[in-house]
Structures are given as C-alpha cells and as structure tokens.
Amino acid sequence: MPKARKEQKVEQVDVLTEKLKKAKVAVLTDYRGLTVSQMQELRARLRTGNVEYRVVKNTLARRAADAAGYKALESELKGPIAIAFGYEDLSLPPRLINEFVRTTRLKLEVVGGLVEGRVFNRDQVRQLADLPSRDVLLAQLLGTLQSPVGQLVGIMQTPLQQLMGVLEAYKSKLEAA
C-alpha cells in the first residue's frame, strides 16, 4: 500500500508540474475559512473563465514548482494553499477571485502567484486584477491608433472640400454670365 501512495504523489507532482508549465497565470490563495459549498461556488465562478482551482499540498507543490523550473515560487508556498490556474487572460483569475470576495464578503487571501514564468507577490497579483481584460486593452490600443489616422484623413479632405467649393462657385459664376 505505501508504494501505491508514493506513486499517487509522484503522479500528482507530474500533474501539477504540467499545469504550472501550461498556465499563463497561477494565483496562490489561502483558502482557510471557506466551507465546502463556498469552495464549490468559487470553483464554479472560476470555471466560467476557464480557470481551474485546485487545493494542493505544499510539499507536492514545491516539488512541482522545482520540476517546472520555478524554484522561486517555493517561498510563496506556505500554509494551506489552493492554486487558480489560468490558461488565457492574465488578469482574469485574480479578477474573478476579487469579484468572488467582493460579492460574498468572504475572506480569501491571495498569497502570491506566477505570471508567465515570473513570481509575483500578493500586491503584484492585486495590481494584475485591476488591469482590464486583454480584449479591452486591444480595443483601447486600436482606438488610440485609429484616432491620428482619422485626424489625418480629415485634414487631407479639408483642402479638397475647399477646392471643390471654389470650383463650384466658379462654375456658378460662368453659368450666370
């Protein structure tokens, strides 16, 4: 039986290692104080954003972090930890966690995280949560880029419109004569 447990732990470390490598962002939280139903509600909200929330043992998480090449993450793995793995939008997992805390008024402490291979402390993860989504940022960038182009087109059209006005006036003058 002990061998089977060891194999299970090795398998869990392998799964965690893969998730850490694949995730764009991993947010570490201290989940103490949440009931089972509250954890289920949090997981359901996170799933809407394709975010996976997993309670992990620190020793296994440390081994996985080391195996994934994120040894610096080991310092953040203290106390009861759950990890929210985000695979798409960087700001979505921390934003969804913040929304959950705000709407339920429950205490769910963000401990730190991993963002595109860089270890973030609790404050940096909070700042990440305040960023707009990727789509909003792209729309803002596009709007910023389009503004000067629209102004340039307007400036270029003004002399043409004035020239057309002069030609129309000259044509009217010739017709009247």
C-alpha atoms as a PDB file:
ATOM      1  CA  MET A   1       0.000   0.000   0.000  1.00  0.00           C
ATOM      2  CA  PRO A   2       2.768   2.578   0.754  1.00  0.00           C
ATOM      3  CA  LYS A   3       4.124   2.131  -2.755  1.00  0.00           C
ATOM      4  CA  ALA A   4       0.717   2.986  -4.222  1.00  0.00           C
ATOM      5  CA  ARG A   5       0.626   6.200  -2.145  1.00  0.00           C
ATOM      6  CA  LYS A   6       4.071   7.153  -3.354  1.00  0.00           C
ATOM      7  CA  GLU A   7       3.015   6.550  -6.966  1.00  0.00           C
ATOM      8  CA  GLN A   8      -0.047   8.733  -6.409  1.00  0.00           C
ATOM      9  CA  LYS A   9       2.119  11.544  -5.053  1.00  0.00           C
ATOM     10  CA  VAL A  10       4.509  11.258  -7.987  1.00  0.00           C
ATOM     11  CA  GLU A  11       1.532  11.402 -10.336  1.00  0.00           C
ATOM     12  CA  GLN A  12       0.145  14.480  -8.512  1.00  0.00           C
ATOM     13  CA  VAL A  13       3.518  16.216  -8.784  1.00  0.00           C
ATOM     14  CA  ASP A  14       3.607  15.435 -12.511  1.00  0.00           C
ATOM     15  CA  VAL A  15       0.089  16.831 -12.991  1.00  0.00           C
ATOM     16  CA  LEU A  16       0.934  19.996 -11.021  1.00  0.00           C
ATOM     17  CA  THR A  17       4.182  20.419 -12.948  1.00  0.00           C
ATOM     18  CA  GLU A  18       2.304  20.241 -16.262  1.00  0.00           C
ATOM     19  CA  LYS A  19      -0.316  22.719 -15.069  1.00  0.00           C
ATOM     20  CA  LEU A  20       2.371  25.179 -13.913  1.00  0.00           C
ATOM     21  CA  LYS A  21       4.153  24.921 -17.256  1.00  0.00           C
ATOM     22  CA  LYS A  22       0.955  25.282 -19.280  1.00  0.00           C
ATOM     23  CA  ALA A  23      -0.718  28.062 -17.262  1.00  0.00           C
ATOM     24  CA  LYS A  24      -0.150  31.699 -18.193  1.00  0.00           C
ATOM     25  CA  VAL A  25      -1.001  32.643 -14.622  1.00  0.00           C
ATOM     26  CA  ALA A  26      -1.243  30.744 -11.329  1.00  0.00           C
ATOM     27  CA  VAL A  27      -2.704  32.579  -8.336  1.00  0.00           C
ATOM     28  CA  LEU A  28      -1.930  31.186  -4.885  1.00  0.00           C
ATOM     29  CA  THR A  29      -4.649  31.638  -2.259  1.00  0.00           C
ATOM     30  CA  ASP A  30      -5.089  30.766   1.400  1.00  0.00           C
ATOM     31  CA  TYR A  31      -8.487  29.110   1.420  1.00  0.00           C
ATOM     32  CA  ARG A  32      -8.851  28.703   5.222  1.00  0.00           C
ATOM     33  CA  GLY A  33     -12.314  29.541   6.468  1.00  0.00           C
ATOM     34  CA  LEU A  34     -14.193  28.577   3.298  1.00  0.00           C
ATOM     35  CA  THR A  35     -16.834  25.881   3.582  1.00  0.00           C
ATOM     36  CA  VAL A  36     -17.167  23.108   1.024  1.00  0.00           C
ATOM     37  CA  SER A  37     -20.166  24.819  -0.588  1.00  0.00           C
ATOM     38  CA  GLN A  38     -18.276  28.131  -0.764  1.00  0.00           C
ATOM     39  CA  MET A  39     -15.329  26.356  -2.411  1.00  0.00           C
ATOM     40  CA  GLN A  40     -17.729  24.821  -4.921  1.00  0.00           C
ATOM     41  CA  GLU A  41     -19.215  28.248  -5.664  1.00  0.00           C
ATOM     42  CA  LEU A  42     -15.729  29.717  -6.151  1.00  0.00           C
ATOM     43  CA  ARG A  43     -14.734  26.871  -8.474  1.00  0.00           C
ATOM     44  CA  ALA A  44     -17.925  27.346 -10.500  1.00  0.00           C
ATOM     45  CA  ARG A  45     -17.242  31.076 -10.929  1.00  0.00           C
ATOM     46  CA  LEU A  46     -13.644  30.429 -11.920  1.00  0.00           C
ATOM     47  CA  ARG A  47     -14.679  27.774 -14.442  1.00  0.00           C
ATOM     48  CA  THR A  48     -16.709  30.415 -16.315  1.00  0.00           C
ATOM     49  CA  GLY A  49     -13.348  31.978 -17.218  1.00  0.00           C
ATOM     50  CA  ASN A  50     -11.630  28.656 -17.984  1.00  0.00           C
ATOM     51  CA  VAL A  51      -9.763  28.880 -14.663  1.00  0.00           C
ATOM     52  CA  GLU A  52      -9.078  25.730 -12.668  1.00  0.00           C
ATOM     53  CA  TYR A  53      -8.911  25.930  -8.859  1.00  0.00           C
ATOM     54  CA  ARG A  54      -7.047  23.195  -7.072  1.00  0.00           C
ATOM     55  CA  VAL A  55      -6.157  22.623  -3.405  1.00  0.00           C
ATOM     56  CA  VAL A  56      -2.575  21.355  -3.192  1.00  0.00           C
ATOM     57  CA  LYS A  57      -0.208  20.032  -0.571  1.00  0.00           C
ATOM     58  CA  ASN A  58       2.742  22.355  -0.159  1.00  0.00           C
ATOM     59  CA  THR A  59       5.369  19.626  -0.340  1.00  0.00           C
ATOM     60  CA  LEU A  60       3.954  18.376  -3.635  1.00  0.00           C
ATOM     61  CA  ALA A  61       3.540  21.939  -4.941  1.00  0.00           C
ATOM     62  CA  ARG A  62       7.159  22.745  -4.057  1.00  0.00           C
ATOM     63  CA  ARG A  63       8.371  19.676  -5.929  1.00  0.00           C
ATOM     64  CA  ALA A  64       6.208  20.595  -8.917  1.00  0.00           C
ATOM     65  CA  ALA A  65       7.439  24.208  -8.889  1.00  0.00           C
ATOM     66  CA  ASP A  66      11.036  22.997  -8.802  1.00  0.00           C
ATOM     67  CA  ALA A  67      10.397  20.483 -11.600  1.00  0.00           C
ATOM     68  CA  ALA A  68       8.706  23.182 -13.715  1.00  0.00           C
ATOM     69  CA  GLY A  69      11.710  25.471 -13.275  1.00  0.00           C
ATOM     70  CA  TYR A  70      10.037  27.910 -10.852  1.00  0.00           C
ATOM     71  CA  LYS A  71      12.130  27.358  -7.733  1.00  0.00           C
ATOM     72  CA  ALA A  72      11.453  30.965  -6.610  1.00  0.00           C
ATOM     73  CA  LEU A  73       7.762  30.057  -6.221  1.00  0.00           C
ATOM     74  CA  GLU A  74       8.636  27.721  -3.345  1.00  0.00           C
ATOM     75  CA  SER A  75       8.936  30.665  -0.932  1.00  0.00           C
ATOM     76  CA  GLU A  76       5.262  31.531  -1.539  1.00  0.00           C
ATOM     77  CA  LEU A  77       4.049  28.012  -0.736  1.00  0.00           C
ATOM     78  CA  LYS A  78       3.369  28.326   2.996  1.00  0.00           C
ATOM     79  CA  GLY A  79       0.234  27.347   4.862  1.00  0.00           C
ATOM     80  CA  PRO A  80      -2.872  25.855   3.271  1.00  0.00           C
ATOM     81  CA  ILE A  81      -2.686  26.737  -0.415  1.00  0.00           C
ATOM     82  CA  ALA A  82      -5.010  26.447  -3.377  1.00  0.00           C
ATOM     83  CA  ILE A  83      -3.916  27.447  -6.866  1.00  0.00           C
ATOM     84  CA  ALA A  84      -6.077  29.057  -9.542  1.00  0.00           C
ATOM     85  CA  PHE A  85      -4.599  28.109 -12.930  1.00  0.00           C
ATOM     86  CA  GLY A  86      -5.451  30.478 -15.787  1.00  0.00           C
ATOM     87  CA  TYR A  87      -4.663  29.470 -19.341  1.00  0.00           C
ATOM     88  CA  GLU A  88      -5.847  32.502 -21.333  1.00  0.00           C
ATOM     89  CA  ASP A  89      -6.245  36.046 -19.960  1.00  0.00           C
ATOM     90  CA  LEU A  90      -3.590  37.000 -17.395  1.00  0.00           C
ATOM     91  CA  SER A  91      -5.816  39.267 -15.334  1.00  0.00           C
ATOM     92  CA  LEU A  92      -8.886  37.012 -15.317  1.00  0.00           C
ATOM     93  CA  PRO A  93      -8.082  34.628 -12.420  1.00  0.00           C
ATOM     94  CA  PRO A  94      -7.196  37.376  -9.917  1.00  0.00           C
ATOM     95  CA  ARG A  95     -10.130  39.482 -11.135  1.00  0.00           C
ATOM     96  CA  LEU A  96     -12.587  36.583 -10.692  1.00  0.00           C
ATOM     97  CA  ILE A  97     -11.194  35.891  -7.213  1.00  0.00           C
ATOM     98  CA  ASN A  98     -11.597  39.576  -6.282  1.00  0.00           C
ATOM     99  CA  GLU A  99     -15.187  39.564  -7.582  1.00  0.00           C
ATOM    100  CA  PHE A 100     -15.938  36.443  -5.535  1.00  0.00           C
ATOM    101  CA  VAL A 101     -14.532  38.052  -2.368  1.00  0.00           C
ATOM    102  CA  ARG A 102     -16.409  41.307  -3.052  1.00  0.00           C
ATOM    103  CA  THR A 103     -19.781  39.674  -3.708  1.00  0.00           C
ATOM    104  CA  THR A 104     -19.649  37.042  -0.963  1.00  0.00           C
ATOM    105  CA  ARG A 105     -17.755  39.157   1.584  1.00  0.00           C
ATOM    106  CA  LEU A 106     -15.715  36.072   2.451  1.00  0.00           C
ATOM    107  CA  LYS A 107     -12.051  36.139   3.339  1.00  0.00           C
ATOM    108  CA  LEU A 108      -9.923  34.540   0.640  1.00  0.00           C
ATOM    109  CA  GLU A 109      -6.377  35.791   0.919  1.00  0.00           C
ATOM    110  CA  VAL A 110      -4.221  35.991  -2.209  1.00  0.00           C
ATOM    111  CA  VAL A 111      -0.725  34.873  -1.205  1.00  0.00           C
ATOM    112  CA  GLY A 112       1.185  35.347  -4.453  1.00  0.00           C
ATOM    113  CA  GLY A 113       1.376  33.927  -7.927  1.00  0.00           C
ATOM    114  CA  LEU A 114       3.192  33.032 -11.067  1.00  0.00           C
ATOM    115  CA  VAL A 115       2.639  35.148 -14.183  1.00  0.00           C
ATOM    116  CA  GLU A 116       4.196  33.971 -17.436  1.00  0.00           C
ATOM    117  CA  GLY A 117       7.067  32.376 -15.539  1.00  0.00           C
ATOM    118  CA  ARG A 118       7.706  35.260 -13.133  1.00  0.00           C
ATOM    119  CA  VAL A 119       6.900  35.013  -9.433  1.00  0.00           C
ATOM    120  CA  PHE A 120       4.555  37.772  -8.236  1.00  0.00           C
ATOM    121  CA  ASN A 121       3.932  38.760  -4.629  1.00  0.00           C
ATOM    122  CA  ARG A 122       0.458  39.421  -3.231  1.00  0.00           C
ATOM    123  CA  ASP A 123       0.478  43.146  -4.154  1.00  0.00           C
ATOM    124  CA  GLN A 124       1.582  42.488  -7.740  1.00  0.00           C
ATOM    125  CA  VAL A 125      -1.220  39.932  -8.156  1.00  0.00           C
ATOM    126  CA  ARG A 126      -3.713  42.503  -6.831  1.00  0.00           C
ATOM    127  CA  GLN A 127      -2.446  45.030  -9.380  1.00  0.00           C
ATOM    128  CA  LEU A 128      -2.865  42.424 -12.093  1.00  0.00           C
ATOM    129  CA  ALA A 129      -6.503  42.020 -11.054  1.00  0.00           C
ATOM    130  CA  ASP A 130      -7.067  45.733 -11.683  1.00  0.00           C
ATOM    131  CA  LEU A 131      -5.920  45.524 -15.305  1.00  0.00           C
ATOM    132  CA  PRO A 132      -8.597  45.438 -17.999  1.00  0.00           C
ATOM    133  CA  SER A 133      -9.008  42.216 -19.927  1.00  0.00           C
ATOM    134  CA  ARG A 134      -6.871  41.531 -22.987  1.00  0.00           C
ATOM    135  CA  ASP A 135      -9.780  42.296 -25.325  1.00  0.00           C
ATOM    136  CA  VAL A 136     -10.424  45.658 -23.650  1.00  0.00           C
ATOM    137  CA  LEU A 137      -6.729  46.553 -23.840  1.00  0.00           C
ATOM    138  CA  LEU A 138      -6.618  45.654 -27.543  1.00  0.00           C
ATOM    139  CA  ALA A 139      -9.735  47.744 -28.199  1.00  0.00           C
ATOM    140  CA  GLN A 140      -8.179  50.701 -26.374  1.00  0.00           C
ATOM    141  CA  LEU A 141      -4.975  50.313 -28.377  1.00  0.00           C
ATOM    142  CA  LEU A 142      -6.909  50.122 -31.632  1.00  0.00           C
ATOM    143  CA  GLY A 143      -8.870  53.255 -30.711  1.00  0.00           C
ATOM    144  CA  THR A 144      -5.653  55.072 -29.888  1.00  0.00           C
ATOM    145  CA  LEU A 145      -4.094  54.047 -33.190  1.00  0.00           C
ATOM    146  CA  GLN A 146      -7.188  54.951 -35.220  1.00  0.00           C
ATOM    147  CA  SER A 147      -7.528  58.463 -33.787  1.00  0.00           C
ATOM    148  CA  PRO A 148      -4.486  60.003 -35.533  1.00  0.00           C
ATOM    149  CA  VAL A 149      -5.381  58.276 -38.804  1.00  0.00           C
ATOM    150  CA  GLY A 150      -8.895  59.724 -38.657  1.00  0.00           C
ATOM    151  CA  GLN A 151      -7.491  63.173 -37.962  1.00  0.00           C
ATOM    152  CA  LEU A 152      -5.057  62.870 -40.871  1.00  0.00           C
ATOM    153  CA  VAL A 153      -7.872  61.878 -43.249  1.00  0.00           C
ATOM    154  CA  GLY A 154      -9.911  64.854 -42.030  1.00  0.00           C
ATOM    155  CA  ILE A 155      -7.011  67.249 -42.572  1.00  0.00           C
ATOM    156  CA  MET A 156      -6.380  65.885 -46.054  1.00  0.00           C
ATOM    157  CA  GLN A 157     -10.041  66.181 -47.014  1.00  0.00           C
ATOM    158  CA  THR A 158     -10.395  69.805 -45.911  1.00  0.00           C
ATOM    159  CA  PRO A 159      -8.326  71.334 -48.761  1.00  0.00           C
ATOM    160  CA  LEU A 160     -10.143  69.115 -51.270  1.00  0.00           C
ATOM    161  CA  GLN A 161     -13.501  70.277 -49.946  1.00  0.00           C
ATOM    162  CA  GLN A 162     -12.374  73.912 -50.141  1.00  0.00           C
ATOM    163  CA  LEU A 163     -11.123  73.404 -53.702  1.00  0.00           C
ATOM    164  CA  MET A 164     -14.448  71.807 -54.636  1.00  0.00           C
ATOM    165  CA  GLY A 165     -16.255  74.813 -53.130  1.00  0.00           C
ATOM    166  CA  VAL A 166     -14.123  77.256 -55.168  1.00  0.00           C
ATOM    167  CA  LEU A 167     -14.716  75.249 -58.374  1.00  0.00           C
ATOM    168  CA  GLU A 168     -18.466  75.108 -57.721  1.00  0.00           C
ATOM    169  CA  ALA A 169     -18.541  78.889 -57.183  1.00  0.00           C
ATOM    170  CA  TYR A 170     -16.553  79.467 -60.397  1.00  0.00           C
ATOM    171  CA  LYS A 171     -18.890  77.120 -62.308  1.00  0.00           C
ATOM    172  CA  SER A 172     -21.922  79.011 -60.969  1.00  0.00           C
ATOM    173  CA  LYS A 173     -20.335  82.321 -61.989  1.00  0.00           C
ATOM    174  CA  LEU A 174     -19.662  81.060 -65.519  1.00  0.00           C
ATOM    175  CA  GLU A 175     -23.222  79.728 -65.867  1.00  0.00           C
ATOM    176  CA  ALA A 176     -24.660  83.044 -64.691  1.00  0.00           C
ATOM    177  CA  ALA A 177     -22.591  85.012 -67.230  1.00  0.00           C
END
